[in-house]
PDB file of all heavy atoms in Angstrom:
ATOM      1  N   ILE A   1       7.921   3.425  -3.032  1.00  0.00           N
ATOM      2  CA  ILE A   1       7.328   2.170  -3.498  1.00  0.00           C
ATOM      3  C   ILE A   1       5.817   2.358  -3.601  1.00  0.00           C
ATOM      4  O   ILE A   1       5.227   1.787  -4.538  1.00  0.00           O
ATOM      5  CB  ILE A   1       7.645   1.016  -2.460  1.00  0.00           C
ATOM      6  CG1 ILE A   1       7.149  -0.295  -3.062  1.00  0.00           C
ATOM      7  CG2 ILE A   1       6.962   1.342  -1.138  1.00  0.00           C
ATOM      8  CD1 ILE A   1       7.683  -0.621  -4.438  1.00  0.00           C
ATOM      9  N   LEU A   2       5.124   3.117  -2.745  1.00  0.00           N
ATOM     10  CA  LEU A   2       3.702   3.322  -2.801  1.00  0.00           C
ATOM     11  C   LEU A   2       3.311   4.013  -4.165  1.00  0.00           C
ATOM     12  O   LEU A   2       2.410   3.553  -4.908  1.00  0.00           O
ATOM     13  CB  LEU A   2       3.133   4.057  -1.599  1.00  0.00           C
ATOM     14  CG  LEU A   2       3.197   3.173  -0.399  1.00  0.00           C
ATOM     15  CD1 LEU A   2       2.837   4.100   0.845  1.00  0.00           C
ATOM     16  CD2 LEU A   2       2.267   2.040  -0.364  1.00  0.00           C
ATOM     17  N   THR A   3       3.942   5.098  -4.404  1.00  0.00           N
ATOM     18  CA  THR A   3       3.563   5.868  -5.722  1.00  0.00           C
ATOM     19  C   THR A   3       3.976   5.009  -6.937  1.00  0.00           C
ATOM     20  O   THR A   3       3.273   5.163  -7.961  1.00  0.00           O
ATOM     21  CB  THR A   3       4.298   7.183  -5.744  1.00  0.00           C
ATOM     22  OG1 THR A   3       5.674   7.052  -5.496  1.00  0.00           O
ATOM     23  CG2 THR A   3       3.789   8.045  -4.559  1.00  0.00           C
ATOM     24  N   ARG A   4       5.025   4.248  -6.908  1.00  0.00           N
ATOM     25  CA  ARG A   4       5.451   3.513  -7.986  1.00  0.00           C
ATOM     26  C   ARG A   4       4.357   2.401  -8.339  1.00  0.00           C
ATOM     27  O   ARG A   4       4.186   2.051  -9.468  1.00  0.00           O
ATOM     28  CB  ARG A   4       6.816   2.826  -7.744  1.00  0.00           C
ATOM     29  CG  ARG A   4       7.330   1.936  -8.838  1.00  0.00           C
ATOM     30  CD  ARG A   4       8.698   1.453  -8.339  1.00  0.00           C
ATOM     31  NE  ARG A   4       9.693   2.503  -8.366  1.00  0.00           N
ATOM     32  CZ  ARG A   4      10.736   2.546  -9.322  1.00  0.00           C
ATOM     33  NH1 ARG A   4      10.840   1.757 -10.237  1.00  0.00           N
ATOM     34  NH2 ARG A   4      11.559   3.547  -9.171  1.00  0.00           N
ATOM     35  N   LEU A   5       3.574   1.966  -7.220  1.00  0.00           N
ATOM     36  CA  LEU A   5       2.711   0.932  -7.502  1.00  0.00           C
ATOM     37  C   LEU A   5       1.236   1.448  -7.631  1.00  0.00           C
ATOM     38  O   LEU A   5       0.254   0.729  -7.583  1.00  0.00           O
ATOM     39  CB  LEU A   5       2.703  -0.150  -6.373  1.00  0.00           C
ATOM     40  CG  LEU A   5       4.045  -0.934  -6.385  1.00  0.00           C
ATOM     41  CD1 LEU A   5       4.103  -1.953  -5.203  1.00  0.00           C
ATOM     42  CD2 LEU A   5       4.125  -1.699  -7.722  1.00  0.00           C
ATOM     43  N   GLY A   6       1.123   2.809  -7.739  1.00  0.00           N
ATOM     44  CA  GLY A   6      -0.149   3.300  -8.067  1.00  0.00           C
ATOM     45  C   GLY A   6      -0.970   3.933  -6.842  1.00  0.00           C
ATOM     46  O   GLY A   6      -2.203   4.409  -7.049  1.00  0.00           O
ATOM     47  N   PHE A   7      -0.424   3.912  -5.673  1.00  0.00           N
ATOM     48  CA  PHE A   7      -1.077   4.432  -4.581  1.00  0.00           C
ATOM     49  C   PHE A   7      -0.882   6.013  -4.596  1.00  0.00           C
ATOM     50  O   PHE A   7       0.143   6.482  -5.101  1.00  0.00           O
ATOM     51  CB  PHE A   7      -0.578   3.877  -3.225  1.00  0.00           C
ATOM     52  CG  PHE A   7      -0.880   2.439  -3.062  1.00  0.00           C
ATOM     53  CD1 PHE A   7       0.080   1.467  -3.571  1.00  0.00           C
ATOM     54  CD2 PHE A   7      -2.020   2.005  -2.385  1.00  0.00           C
ATOM     55  CE1 PHE A   7      -0.285   0.156  -3.419  1.00  0.00           C
ATOM     56  CE2 PHE A   7      -2.243   0.675  -2.293  1.00  0.00           C
ATOM     57  CZ  PHE A   7      -1.380  -0.207  -2.749  1.00  0.00           C
ATOM     58  N   ARG A   8      -1.725   6.818  -3.909  1.00  0.00           N
ATOM     59  CA  ARG A   8      -1.642   8.199  -3.799  1.00  0.00           C
ATOM     60  C   ARG A   8      -1.532   8.569  -2.369  1.00  0.00           C
ATOM     61  O   ARG A   8      -2.489   8.292  -1.494  1.00  0.00           O
ATOM     62  CB  ARG A   8      -2.847   8.859  -4.472  1.00  0.00           C
ATOM     63  CG  ARG A   8      -2.730  10.373  -4.486  1.00  0.00           C
ATOM     64  CD  ARG A   8      -3.907  10.942  -5.354  1.00  0.00           C
ATOM     65  NE  ARG A   8      -5.238  10.473  -4.973  1.00  0.00           N
ATOM     66  CZ  ARG A   8      -5.965  11.023  -4.023  1.00  0.00           C
ATOM     67  NH1 ARG A   8      -5.542  12.041  -3.305  1.00  0.00           N
ATOM     68  NH2 ARG A   8      -7.152  10.516  -3.731  1.00  0.00           N
ATOM     69  N   ILE A   9      -0.450   9.287  -1.974  1.00  0.00           N
ATOM     70  CA  ILE A   9      -0.247   9.734  -0.611  1.00  0.00           C
ATOM     71  C   ILE A   9      -1.040  10.974  -0.429  1.00  0.00           C
ATOM     72  O   ILE A   9      -0.958  11.947  -1.235  1.00  0.00           O
ATOM     73  CB  ILE A   9       1.299  10.104  -0.418  1.00  0.00           C
ATOM     74  CG1 ILE A   9       2.165   8.888  -0.730  1.00  0.00           C
ATOM     75  CG2 ILE A   9       1.500  10.500   1.095  1.00  0.00           C
ATOM     76  CD1 ILE A   9       1.912   7.653   0.075  1.00  0.00           C
ATOM     77  N   THR A  10      -1.917  10.999   0.608  1.00  0.00           N
ATOM     78  CA  THR A  10      -2.773  12.197   0.868  1.00  0.00           C
ATOM     79  C   THR A  10      -2.263  13.051   2.039  1.00  0.00           C
ATOM     80  O   THR A  10      -2.622  14.219   2.130  1.00  0.00           O
ATOM     81  CB  THR A  10      -4.192  11.728   1.082  1.00  0.00           C
ATOM     82  OG1 THR A  10      -4.256  10.741   2.211  1.00  0.00           O
ATOM     83  CG2 THR A  10      -4.748  11.076  -0.144  1.00  0.00           C
ATOM     84  N   ASP A  11      -1.528  12.369   2.944  1.00  0.00           N
ATOM     85  CA  ASP A  11      -1.081  13.142   4.096  1.00  0.00           C
ATOM     86  C   ASP A  11       0.103  12.403   4.856  1.00  0.00           C
ATOM     87  O   ASP A  11       0.145  11.196   4.832  1.00  0.00           O
ATOM     88  CB  ASP A  11      -2.181  13.381   5.078  1.00  0.00           C
ATOM     89  CG  ASP A  11      -1.747  14.455   6.156  1.00  0.00           C
ATOM     90  OD1 ASP A  11      -1.030  15.334   5.890  1.00  0.00           O
ATOM     91  OD2 ASP A  11      -2.348  14.326   7.340  1.00  0.00           O
ATOM     92  N   VAL A  12       1.026  13.210   5.355  1.00  0.00           N
ATOM     93  CA  VAL A  12       2.172  12.633   6.159  1.00  0.00           C
ATOM     94  C   VAL A  12       2.247  13.390   7.404  1.00  0.00           C
ATOM     95  O   VAL A  12       2.409  14.652   7.258  1.00  0.00           O
ATOM     96  CB  VAL A  12       3.496  12.528   5.390  1.00  0.00           C
ATOM     97  CG1 VAL A  12       4.647  11.987   6.225  1.00  0.00           C
ATOM     98  CG2 VAL A  12       3.293  11.667   4.208  1.00  0.00           C
ATOM     99  N   VAL A  13       2.273  12.793   8.537  1.00  0.00           N
ATOM    100  CA  VAL A  13       2.498  13.449   9.834  1.00  0.00           C
ATOM    101  C   VAL A  13       3.672  12.700  10.572  1.00  0.00           C
ATOM    102  O   VAL A  13       3.600  11.519  10.768  1.00  0.00           O
ATOM    103  CB  VAL A  13       1.237  13.488  10.712  1.00  0.00           C
ATOM    104  CG1 VAL A  13       1.591  14.146  12.026  1.00  0.00           C
ATOM    105  CG2 VAL A  13       0.128  14.143   9.989  1.00  0.00           C
ATOM    106  N   SER A  14       4.719  13.472  10.900  1.00  0.00           N
ATOM    107  CA  SER A  14       5.824  12.900  11.617  1.00  0.00           C
ATOM    108  C   SER A  14       6.133  13.637  12.934  1.00  0.00           C
ATOM    109  O   SER A  14       6.061  14.878  12.953  1.00  0.00           O
ATOM    110  CB  SER A  14       7.113  12.866  10.612  1.00  0.00           C
ATOM    111  OG  SER A  14       6.907  12.212   9.515  1.00  0.00           O
ATOM    112  N   ALA A  15       6.403  12.880  13.981  1.00  0.00           N
ATOM    113  CA  ALA A  15       6.697  13.451  15.280  1.00  0.00           C
ATOM    114  C   ALA A  15       7.440  12.453  16.095  1.00  0.00           C
ATOM    115  O   ALA A  15       7.028  11.284  16.260  1.00  0.00           O
ATOM    116  CB  ALA A  15       5.500  13.829  15.927  1.00  0.00           C
ATOM    117  N   PHE A  16       8.640  12.922  16.632  1.00  0.00           N
ATOM    118  CA  PHE A  16       9.397  12.102  17.523  1.00  0.00           C
ATOM    119  C   PHE A  16       9.772  10.777  16.935  1.00  0.00           C
ATOM    120  O   PHE A  16       9.739   9.738  17.646  1.00  0.00           O
ATOM    121  CB  PHE A  16       8.687  11.913  18.859  1.00  0.00           C
ATOM    122  CG  PHE A  16       8.295  13.313  19.445  1.00  0.00           C
ATOM    123  CD1 PHE A  16       6.978  13.674  19.548  1.00  0.00           C
ATOM    124  CD2 PHE A  16       9.263  14.076  20.019  1.00  0.00           C
ATOM    125  CE1 PHE A  16       6.574  14.900  20.137  1.00  0.00           C
ATOM    126  CE2 PHE A  16       8.849  15.349  20.587  1.00  0.00           C
ATOM    127  CZ  PHE A  16       7.474  15.775  20.662  1.00  0.00           C
ATOM    128  N   GLY A  17      10.046  10.753  15.660  1.00  0.00           N
ATOM    129  CA  GLY A  17      10.494   9.494  15.068  1.00  0.00           C
ATOM    130  C   GLY A  17       9.353   8.513  14.629  1.00  0.00           C
ATOM    131  O   GLY A  17       9.613   7.462  14.146  1.00  0.00           O
ATOM    132  N   GLN A  18       8.077   8.951  14.882  1.00  0.00           N
ATOM    133  CA  GLN A  18       6.971   8.137  14.458  1.00  0.00           C
ATOM    134  C   GLN A  18       6.379   8.854  13.195  1.00  0.00           C
ATOM    135  O   GLN A  18       6.295   9.999  13.172  1.00  0.00           O
ATOM    136  CB  GLN A  18       5.923   8.057  15.636  1.00  0.00           C
ATOM    137  CG  GLN A  18       6.493   7.826  16.979  1.00  0.00           C
ATOM    138  CD  GLN A  18       7.137   6.412  17.050  1.00  0.00           C
ATOM    139  OE1 GLN A  18       6.623   5.462  16.584  1.00  0.00           O
ATOM    140  NE2 GLN A  18       8.207   6.336  17.708  1.00  0.00           N
ATOM    141  N   HIS A  19       5.852   7.964  12.320  1.00  0.00           N
ATOM    142  CA  HIS A  19       5.319   8.462  10.966  1.00  0.00           C
ATOM    143  C   HIS A  19       3.933   7.942  10.722  1.00  0.00           C
ATOM    144  O   HIS A  19       3.735   6.687  10.886  1.00  0.00           O
ATOM    145  CB  HIS A  19       6.287   8.218   9.910  1.00  0.00           C
ATOM    146  CG  HIS A  19       7.685   8.627  10.108  1.00  0.00           C
ATOM    147  ND1 HIS A  19       8.195   9.899  10.120  1.00  0.00           N
ATOM    148  CD2 HIS A  19       8.737   7.833  10.572  1.00  0.00           C
ATOM    149  CE1 HIS A  19       9.450   9.942  10.386  1.00  0.00           C
ATOM    150  NE2 HIS A  19       9.800   8.714  10.620  1.00  0.00           N
ATOM    151  N   GLU A  20       3.054   8.793  10.390  1.00  0.00           N
ATOM    152  CA  GLU A  20       1.704   8.439  10.005  1.00  0.00           C
ATOM    153  C   GLU A  20       1.498   8.740   8.508  1.00  0.00           C
ATOM    154  O   GLU A  20       1.581  10.022   8.295  1.00  0.00           O
ATOM    155  CB  GLU A  20       0.611   9.089  10.883  1.00  0.00           C
ATOM    156  CG  GLU A  20       0.570   8.599  12.301  1.00  0.00           C
ATOM    157  CD  GLU A  20      -0.148   7.268  12.511  1.00  0.00           C
ATOM    158  OE1 GLU A  20      -0.952   6.917  11.608  1.00  0.00           O
ATOM    159  OE2 GLU A  20      -0.014   6.532  13.497  1.00  0.00           O
ATOM    160  N   ILE A  21       1.247   7.904   7.671  1.00  0.00           N
ATOM    161  CA  ILE A  21       1.030   8.169   6.300  1.00  0.00           C
ATOM    162  C   ILE A  21      -0.356   7.795   5.880  1.00  0.00           C
ATOM    163  O   ILE A  21      -0.786   6.674   6.040  1.00  0.00           O
ATOM    164  CB  ILE A  21       1.969   7.401   5.402  1.00  0.00           C
ATOM    165  CG1 ILE A  21       3.455   7.762   5.859  1.00  0.00           C
ATOM    166  CG2 ILE A  21       1.840   7.626   3.877  1.00  0.00           C
ATOM    167  CD1 ILE A  21       4.584   6.816   5.143  1.00  0.00           C
ATOM    168  N   SER A  22      -1.140   8.711   5.375  1.00  0.00           N
ATOM    169  CA  SER A  22      -2.402   8.454   4.859  1.00  0.00           C
ATOM    170  C   SER A  22      -2.325   8.237   3.307  1.00  0.00           C
ATOM    171  O   SER A  22      -1.672   9.093   2.689  1.00  0.00           O
ATOM    172  CB  SER A  22      -3.459   9.615   5.166  1.00  0.00           C
ATOM    173  OG  SER A  22      -3.535   9.759   6.595  1.00  0.00           O
ATOM    174  N   LEU A  23      -2.970   7.297   2.919  1.00  0.00           N
ATOM    175  CA  LEU A  23      -2.902   7.014   1.387  1.00  0.00           C
ATOM    176  C   LEU A  23      -4.226   6.481   0.816  1.00  0.00           C
ATOM    177  O   LEU A  23      -4.993   5.905   1.523  1.00  0.00           O
ATOM    178  CB  LEU A  23      -1.721   5.991   1.049  1.00  0.00           C
ATOM    179  CG  LEU A  23      -1.886   4.553   1.654  1.00  0.00           C
ATOM    180  CD1 LEU A  23      -1.453   3.524   0.643  1.00  0.00           C
ATOM    181  CD2 LEU A  23      -1.147   4.517   2.949  1.00  0.00           C
ATOM    182  N   CYS A  24      -4.417   6.736  -0.368  1.00  0.00           N
ATOM    183  CA  CYS A  24      -5.567   6.236  -1.145  1.00  0.00           C
ATOM    184  C   CYS A  24      -5.239   4.854  -1.623  1.00  0.00           C
ATOM    185  O   CYS A  24      -4.204   4.604  -2.384  1.00  0.00           O
ATOM    186  CB  CYS A  24      -5.941   7.110  -2.315  1.00  0.00           C
ATOM    187  SG  CYS A  24      -7.276   6.515  -3.371  1.00  0.00           S
ATOM    188  N   GLY A  25      -5.971   3.790  -1.277  1.00  0.00           N
ATOM    189  CA  GLY A  25      -5.705   2.491  -1.570  1.00  0.00           C
ATOM    190  C   GLY A  25      -6.305   2.010  -2.830  1.00  0.00           C
ATOM    191  O   GLY A  25      -6.696   0.828  -3.077  1.00  0.00           O
ATOM    192  N   CYS A  26      -6.486   2.973  -3.795  1.00  0.00           N
ATOM    193  CA  CYS A  26      -7.238   2.717  -4.944  1.00  0.00           C
ATOM    194  C   CYS A  26      -6.829   1.464  -5.816  1.00  0.00           C
ATOM    195  O   CYS A  26      -7.676   0.811  -6.338  1.00  0.00           O
ATOM    196  CB  CYS A  26      -7.371   3.920  -5.899  1.00  0.00           C
ATOM    197  SG  CYS A  26      -8.172   5.344  -5.156  1.00  0.00           S
ATOM    198  N   PRO A  27      -5.506   1.144  -5.893  1.00  0.00           N
ATOM    199  CA  PRO A  27      -5.130  -0.031  -6.696  1.00  0.00           C
ATOM    200  C   PRO A  27      -5.770  -1.327  -6.040  1.00  0.00           C
ATOM    201  O   PRO A  27      -5.908  -2.283  -6.685  1.00  0.00           O
ATOM    202  CB  PRO A  27      -3.581   0.042  -6.549  1.00  0.00           C
ATOM    203  CG  PRO A  27      -3.259   1.421  -6.375  1.00  0.00           C
ATOM    204  CD  PRO A  27      -4.377   1.981  -5.539  1.00  0.00           C
ATOM    205  N   LEU A  28      -6.077  -1.187  -4.734  1.00  0.00           N
ATOM    206  CA  LEU A  28      -6.652  -2.352  -3.989  1.00  0.00           C
ATOM    207  C   LEU A  28      -8.082  -2.061  -3.690  1.00  0.00           C
ATOM    208  O   LEU A  28      -8.638  -2.821  -2.725  1.00  0.00           O
ATOM    209  CB  LEU A  28      -5.812  -2.779  -2.782  1.00  0.00           C
ATOM    210  CG  LEU A  28      -4.297  -3.015  -3.058  1.00  0.00           C
ATOM    211  CD1 LEU A  28      -3.599  -3.226  -1.799  1.00  0.00           C
ATOM    212  CD2 LEU A  28      -4.154  -4.307  -4.046  1.00  0.00           C
ATOM    213  N   GLU A  29      -8.769  -1.172  -4.223  1.00  0.00           N
ATOM    214  CA  GLU A  29     -10.017  -0.708  -3.697  1.00  0.00           C
ATOM    215  C   GLU A  29     -11.035  -1.794  -3.643  1.00  0.00           C
ATOM    216  O   GLU A  29     -11.750  -2.078  -2.585  1.00  0.00           O
ATOM    217  CB  GLU A  29     -10.648   0.400  -4.712  1.00  0.00           C
ATOM    218  CG  GLU A  29     -11.994   0.921  -4.138  1.00  0.00           C
ATOM    219  CD  GLU A  29     -12.393   2.111  -5.000  1.00  0.00           C
ATOM    220  OE1 GLU A  29     -11.749   2.434  -6.039  1.00  0.00           O
ATOM    221  OE2 GLU A  29     -13.504   2.612  -4.753  1.00  0.00           O
ATOM    222  N   LYS A  30     -11.247  -2.653  -4.677  1.00  0.00           N
ATOM    223  CA  LYS A  30     -12.201  -3.774  -4.596  1.00  0.00           C
ATOM    224  C   LYS A  30     -11.849  -4.813  -3.639  1.00  0.00           C
ATOM    225  O   LYS A  30     -12.686  -5.296  -2.872  1.00  0.00           O
ATOM    226  CB  LYS A  30     -12.365  -4.419  -6.059  1.00  0.00           C
ATOM    227  CG  LYS A  30     -13.526  -5.317  -6.146  1.00  0.00           C
ATOM    228  CD  LYS A  30     -13.730  -5.714  -7.593  1.00  0.00           C
ATOM    229  CE  LYS A  30     -15.068  -6.596  -7.686  1.00  0.00           C
ATOM    230  NZ  LYS A  30     -16.276  -5.894  -7.285  1.00  0.00           N
ATOM    231  N   ILE A  31     -10.565  -5.091  -3.498  1.00  0.00           N
ATOM    232  CA  ILE A  31     -10.172  -6.098  -2.510  1.00  0.00           C
ATOM    233  C   ILE A  31     -10.349  -5.448  -1.117  1.00  0.00           C
ATOM    234  O   ILE A  31     -10.756  -6.214  -0.189  1.00  0.00           O
ATOM    235  CB  ILE A  31      -8.622  -6.412  -2.676  1.00  0.00           C
ATOM    236  CG1 ILE A  31      -8.388  -7.245  -3.921  1.00  0.00           C
ATOM    237  CG2 ILE A  31      -8.086  -7.225  -1.434  1.00  0.00           C
ATOM    238  CD1 ILE A  31      -6.979  -7.555  -4.189  1.00  0.00           C
ATOM    239  N   GLU A  32     -10.069  -4.212  -0.980  1.00  0.00           N
ATOM    240  CA  GLU A  32     -10.178  -3.614   0.303  1.00  0.00           C
ATOM    241  C   GLU A  32     -11.640  -3.574   0.729  1.00  0.00           C
ATOM    242  O   GLU A  32     -11.902  -3.734   1.946  1.00  0.00           O
ATOM    243  CB  GLU A  32      -9.639  -2.158   0.328  1.00  0.00           C
ATOM    244  CG  GLU A  32      -9.639  -1.448   1.693  1.00  0.00           C
ATOM    245  CD  GLU A  32      -9.106  -0.162   1.624  1.00  0.00           C
ATOM    246  OE1 GLU A  32      -8.536   0.313   0.600  1.00  0.00           O
ATOM    247  OE2 GLU A  32      -9.285   0.587   2.619  1.00  0.00           O
ATOM    248  N   HIS A  33     -12.548  -3.458  -0.113  1.00  0.00           N
ATOM    249  CA  HIS A  33     -13.969  -3.340   0.204  1.00  0.00           C
ATOM    250  C   HIS A  33     -14.510  -4.796   0.632  1.00  0.00           C
ATOM    251  O   HIS A  33     -15.266  -4.916   1.560  1.00  0.00           O
ATOM    252  CB  HIS A  33     -14.762  -3.031  -0.998  1.00  0.00           C
ATOM    253  CG  HIS A  33     -16.263  -2.919  -0.684  1.00  0.00           C
ATOM    254  ND1 HIS A  33     -16.857  -1.999   0.080  1.00  0.00           N
ATOM    255  CD2 HIS A  33     -17.232  -3.728  -1.199  1.00  0.00           C
ATOM    256  CE1 HIS A  33     -18.167  -2.137   0.146  1.00  0.00           C
ATOM    257  NE2 HIS A  33     -18.370  -3.193  -0.723  1.00  0.00           N
TER     258      HIS A  33
END
C-alpha cells in the first residue's frame, strides 16, 4: 500500500515478530513539515 501511494521504503528491520519500517514520507512532505 505504501509504494502504491508513492511512499518509498528505505529500510525494514524485523525481529521476534516486531517490524520497523523506515519510509520517505515525500507524498506528505509539506503536511509533515
